[in-house]
Protein backbone atom coordinates (compact mmCIF):
# COMPACT_ATOMS: atom_id res chain seq x y z
CA MET A 1 -0.91 8.98 -3.13
CA SER A 2 -1.79 5.52 -4.41
CA VAL A 3 0.60 3.51 -6.55
CA PHE A 4 -1.98 3.42 -9.37
CA LEU A 5 -2.20 7.22 -9.46
CA LEU A 6 1.58 7.58 -9.34
CA GLN A 7 2.23 5.07 -12.10
CA ASN A 8 -0.65 5.69 -14.50
CA ASN A 9 -1.67 9.17 -15.68
CA GLN A 10 -4.81 7.69 -17.27
CA HIS A 11 -6.08 6.07 -14.05
CA VAL A 12 -9.37 7.54 -12.86
CA HIS A 13 -9.20 8.50 -9.18
CA GLN A 14 -11.32 6.09 -7.09
CA ILE A 15 -12.18 5.68 -3.41
CA LEU A 16 -9.60 2.90 -3.23
CA ASP A 17 -6.89 5.46 -4.05
CA ASP A 18 -8.01 7.55 -1.07
CA GLN A 19 -8.04 4.48 1.17
CA GLU A 20 -4.53 3.58 0.10
CA SER A 21 -3.42 7.18 0.72
CA ALA A 22 -4.89 6.98 4.23
CA PHE A 23 -2.81 3.84 4.80
CA TYR A 24 0.35 5.75 3.87
CA VAL A 25 -0.56 8.67 6.13
CA LEU A 26 -1.14 6.25 9.02
CA THR A 27 2.14 4.37 8.51
CA TRP A 28 4.12 7.60 7.99
CA SER A 29 2.64 9.07 11.18
CA ALA A 30 3.32 5.86 13.11
CA LEU A 31 6.94 5.84 11.90
CA CYS A 32 7.40 9.48 12.94
CA TYR A 33 5.45 9.64 16.18
CA THR A 34 5.11 6.21 17.82
CA ALA A 35 7.43 3.59 19.24
CA HIS A 36 8.57 0.92 16.79
CA SER A 37 11.37 -1.54 16.11
CA HIS A 38 13.31 0.78 13.73
CA GLN A 39 13.45 3.91 15.90
CA ASP A 40 17.21 4.18 15.63
CA ASP A 41 17.25 4.15 11.82
CA VAL A 42 13.96 5.31 10.36
CA GLY A 43 15.55 6.70 7.16
CA PRO A 44 15.17 3.59 4.96
CA GLN A 45 11.55 3.19 6.09
CA MET A 46 10.75 6.74 4.95
CA LYS A 47 12.07 6.41 1.37
CA PRO A 48 8.78 5.21 -0.19
CA TYR A 49 7.02 8.37 1.01
CA ASN A 50 9.51 10.68 -0.71
CA GLU A 51 10.05 8.83 -4.00
CA VAL A 52 9.53 10.98 -7.10
CA ASP A 53 10.94 10.47 -10.58
CA VAL A 54 10.96 13.63 -12.71
CA HIS A 55 11.31 12.96 -16.43
CA CYS A 56 13.01 15.27 -18.91
CA ASN A 57 9.63 15.99 -20.54
CA GLY A 58 8.33 17.35 -17.23
CA GLY A 59 6.31 14.27 -16.31
CA VAL A 60 6.42 13.03 -12.74
CA GLU A 61 5.87 9.49 -11.50
CA GLY A 62 6.83 7.23 -8.67
CA GLY A 63 5.35 4.49 -6.56
CA LYS A 64 7.82 1.66 -7.14
CA LEU A 65 9.05 1.81 -3.54
CA LYS A 66 5.47 2.02 -2.23
CA ARG A 67 4.49 -1.01 -4.30
CA ASP A 68 7.54 -2.89 -3.01
CA MET A 69 6.64 -1.87 0.55
CA ILE A 70 3.11 -3.25 0.14
CA GLN A 71 4.24 -6.49 -1.49
CA GLU A 72 6.92 -7.31 1.08
CA PRO A 73 6.19 -8.50 4.61
CA LEU A 74 5.87 -5.68 7.12
CA GLN A 75 9.41 -4.71 8.16
CA VAL A 76 8.58 -2.71 11.27
CA ILE A 77 6.98 -3.80 14.54
CA PHE A 78 4.85 -0.96 15.88
CA HIS A 79 3.96 -0.41 19.53
CA PRO A 80 1.36 -0.72 20.96
CA PRO A 81 0.40 -4.11 19.50
CA ALA A 82 -3.09 -2.84 18.51
CA LEU A 83 -1.47 -0.27 16.20
CA HIS A 84 0.75 -2.97 14.70
CA LYS A 85 -2.28 -5.22 14.07
CA LEU A 86 -4.16 -2.36 12.38
CA ILE A 87 -1.23 -1.51 10.10
CA ASP A 88 -0.59 -5.20 9.37
CA ASP A 89 -4.25 -5.81 8.46
CA LEU A 90 -4.33 -2.76 6.18
CA HIS A 91 -1.01 -3.84 4.65
CA ALA A 92 -2.54 -7.24 3.82
CA LEU A 93 -5.63 -5.58 2.32
CA PHE A 94 -3.62 -3.41 -0.06
CA ASP A 95 -1.28 -6.27 -0.89
CA LEU A 96 -4.31 -7.94 -2.52
CA HIS A 97 -4.76 -4.91 -4.76
CA TYR A 98 -1.34 -5.31 -6.38
CA PRO A 99 -0.62 -8.77 -7.74
CA PRO A 100 3.03 -9.79 -7.53
CA LEU A 101 4.94 -8.87 -10.68
CA SER A 102 5.67 -12.57 -11.27
CA VAL A 103 1.92 -13.22 -11.36
CA MET A 104 1.28 -10.35 -13.77
CA SER A 105 3.74 -11.74 -16.30
CA TYR A 106 1.70 -14.94 -16.79
CA ASN A 107 -1.89 -14.43 -17.98
CA ASP A 108 -3.28 -17.73 -16.61
CA VAL A 109 -1.68 -17.24 -13.20
CA HIS A 110 -2.94 -13.64 -13.06
CA CYS A 111 -6.51 -14.86 -13.78
CA LEU A 112 -6.26 -17.45 -10.98
CA TRP A 113 -4.86 -14.84 -8.56
CA LYS A 114 -7.65 -12.42 -9.42
CA ALA A 115 -10.36 -15.10 -9.09
CA ARG A 116 -9.02 -16.16 -5.68
CA ASN A 117 -9.06 -12.58 -4.40
CA THR A 118 -12.24 -11.30 -6.10
CA ARG A 119 -14.27 -10.97 -2.89
CA HIS A 120 -11.57 -8.94 -1.15
CA LEU A 121 -10.96 -6.82 -4.23
CA GLN A 122 -14.70 -6.04 -4.45
CA GLN A 123 -14.83 -5.09 -0.75
CA MET A 124 -12.04 -2.62 -1.36
CA GLN A 125 -14.16 -0.71 -3.88
CA TYR A 126 -16.34 0.49 -1.00
CA CYS A 127 -15.51 2.15 2.30
CA ASP A 128 -16.75 -0.80 4.34
CA GLY A 129 -13.59 -2.86 3.77
CA LEU A 130 -11.42 -0.20 5.36
CA VAL A 131 -13.98 0.68 8.04
CA ARG A 132 -14.35 -3.01 9.00
CA ILE A 133 -10.61 -3.27 9.61
CA PHE A 134 -10.57 -0.12 11.75
CA ARG A 135 -13.52 -1.38 13.80
CA GLU A 136 -11.83 -4.74 14.46
């Protein structure tokens, strides 16, 4: 599930949420079923996929660890290299969707960040951004 859906009950489900979910399914599957640099200790890499915070009022949210995972450099090297490139390219695409928290705290900087990434953010609203990466 996308970070936006996990962190905002008012967010309207969009195609981008499905694309982000597909990214998590791909990385989870790659961690479980392919060779990679963290084979001996996959536990810490799996935490973002299992994060859920249940509130006393019955509400459920999460996504902080997924957001951190997207905003940090890729920690795992996947094998074969083509799989690693695919995951790395998708990682970079979704990193553009979530501005760093430091950027969000300053209005002017957030506007500059958004202006610089407008083309990529617009591509993500349609399937072609994700399809283009898979084709490459």
